[in-house]
Amino acid sequence: MKSEIRVRFAPSPTGSLHIGGLRTALYNFLFARKNHGAFILRIEDTDQKRSVLGGVEEIIKTLNAFGLKYDEGPILKNGRLDEKGDSGPYVQSKRLKFYQEAASKLVAKNFAYPCFCTVERLEDIRKQQVQKNLPPGYDGFCRDLPSAESQERVKKGEKHIIRFKMPKTGQTDADDLIRGKVSFKHIFLEDAVLLKADGFPTYHLANVVDDHAMAISHVIRAEEWLPSLPLHIQLYQALNWPMPEFAHLPLILGPNRKKLSKRDNDTAAKDYLKDYLPNAILNFIALLGWNPKTNQEFYPSPENLAADFDLKKINRAGAIFELKKLIYLNRQHLRAQDPIVLAEKVGLGLSPAECQKFLPLALDRAEKLSDIPKSINFLLTDEINYSKDLLMPKHINSETAVKENLTLIHDFLKEIPQTAWNNQGDFKNNILAWIKSQNKTNAEMLWPFRVALSGLEKSPDPFEIAVALGKKKTLQRVEKGIAKF
């Protein structure tokens, strides 16, 4: 029988969730949904100095805002932190006894040892290594202390940490689901700290203990944790625990092909929600490393992404964050939205009929959510302000000619029956045919017509605007344009 798929997203509450973290959460979510497994949120707050007040709540709210629903983990219930699931606690600072038990077991089995070296001694060693051009790392001073001596010093309350006794020879091999076979020679690995002097674990011990306790089947995490893999594998083997499968995600790179930074748009993920739809952002970051191997780029929802998602289709090389690609996908998502839902989202306060009539005009040009109100404000106001000069086509200098053309348009529109305004295609064809019959050019007639309706140098075409405004408002605006001369 195939074991259950269980994955986790395990951020630290050190601030807002950024794009890289959101992508890690998304890939875990997609993998779980594709394989009918469980997606777990776990908070890794063992570095108490870096944890910020409200950090856990911020992570939960961000995942909720993007619709990444997890099956187990911390939740907000009536504004307070709670939990759901049977494998908790899901916050590491509440699991200290499990890490201390694991550390004691490793020491008893001679896979770990107490280290009594002071901060000053460690700093002196590091300085000497730098002077001799040696790789920095612990020199193993306490590694071979007699067990009886170590136990006695611990018993007396001497300050110490627990280090893992990394083998000095051989290598650790692993099969990464994205990178294939990877190997790490032990000669380059130091005896890592597992338990700090304050009783808190390091990431390495807590990570392995929790993944085992929560029956995690696949560890999908950022490439930056790849150097930690040999230590984690050694810990699993020392504790005689079954190992999960590992997948290390490629970096997200800025335009300069270096790791994405705040300068390169790596701001808080929630900040993107001001201008971009949640599903557009998820669509975009899903493609930062994952290639569905088809021509499809537009995925309306995370559920659509999950249907195609495959870890084997994630590239090893870093993915470049291109804002223009996000804008491109956001435009598609905007156009696919229900106009009524979209109008409510951007706070337009339109009736359902107005949504159906006005939103399509905004979406012709809108790239971001913030563009939508600006794109249709001219339709919603009774007064549009613009200068007479804007009515003048570039190739016409005669104000009299422009006024006459606007008057001709007004008189023609006045005679068009109301029913002809209901079909934009027919309406457009009627006007274009009439312009031709007047021996006029489209440029000299349509420019002042469009400006009179919009008051803008750039806007949707006059046919769309006129149909959206209706006959009465269209005639009123053309009359005001004529009155400017």
Foldseek 3Di string as FASTA:
>chain_A
DDDAAEEEQEEELLDFAWLQSVLLLLLQLLQCLLRVHFYEYAYEHLVVVRHDPCSVVNVQVVCVQLVSDGQWAWDADPNDIDIDDDLDPRYQVVVLVLLVVLLVLCVVLLQKAKDQDDPVRLVVQQVVCVVVVHDRADPCPVSPDPPVVRVVCVVVVRQTFMWGDQDCADWDWAQALAPGIDIGGSVPDYGHTQAHRVSRGDCLSSVLSSCQSVVHQEYEEAPVCVVVVVVNVVSCVSVVHDDHHYHHAAAEAEPVRHGDDVVRVRDRPVVQVQWARSQLSNLQSNPQFADLPDPDSADQHSSSVSNSDDSHRGHRYGGYDDVVSSLVNRLVNLVVDQQVVLCVVLVVPDDSVLSVQQQVFQSVPRSTSVSRCVQCVLLVDLDADAALVQLAQPVDDDPVLLLVLLVVVLVVLVPDDQVQLQDLVSVVVVVVVVCVVVVHDCRSNFRNLQCLQRVDSDGPGNSSSDSSNGSVSSSVSSVVSSVND
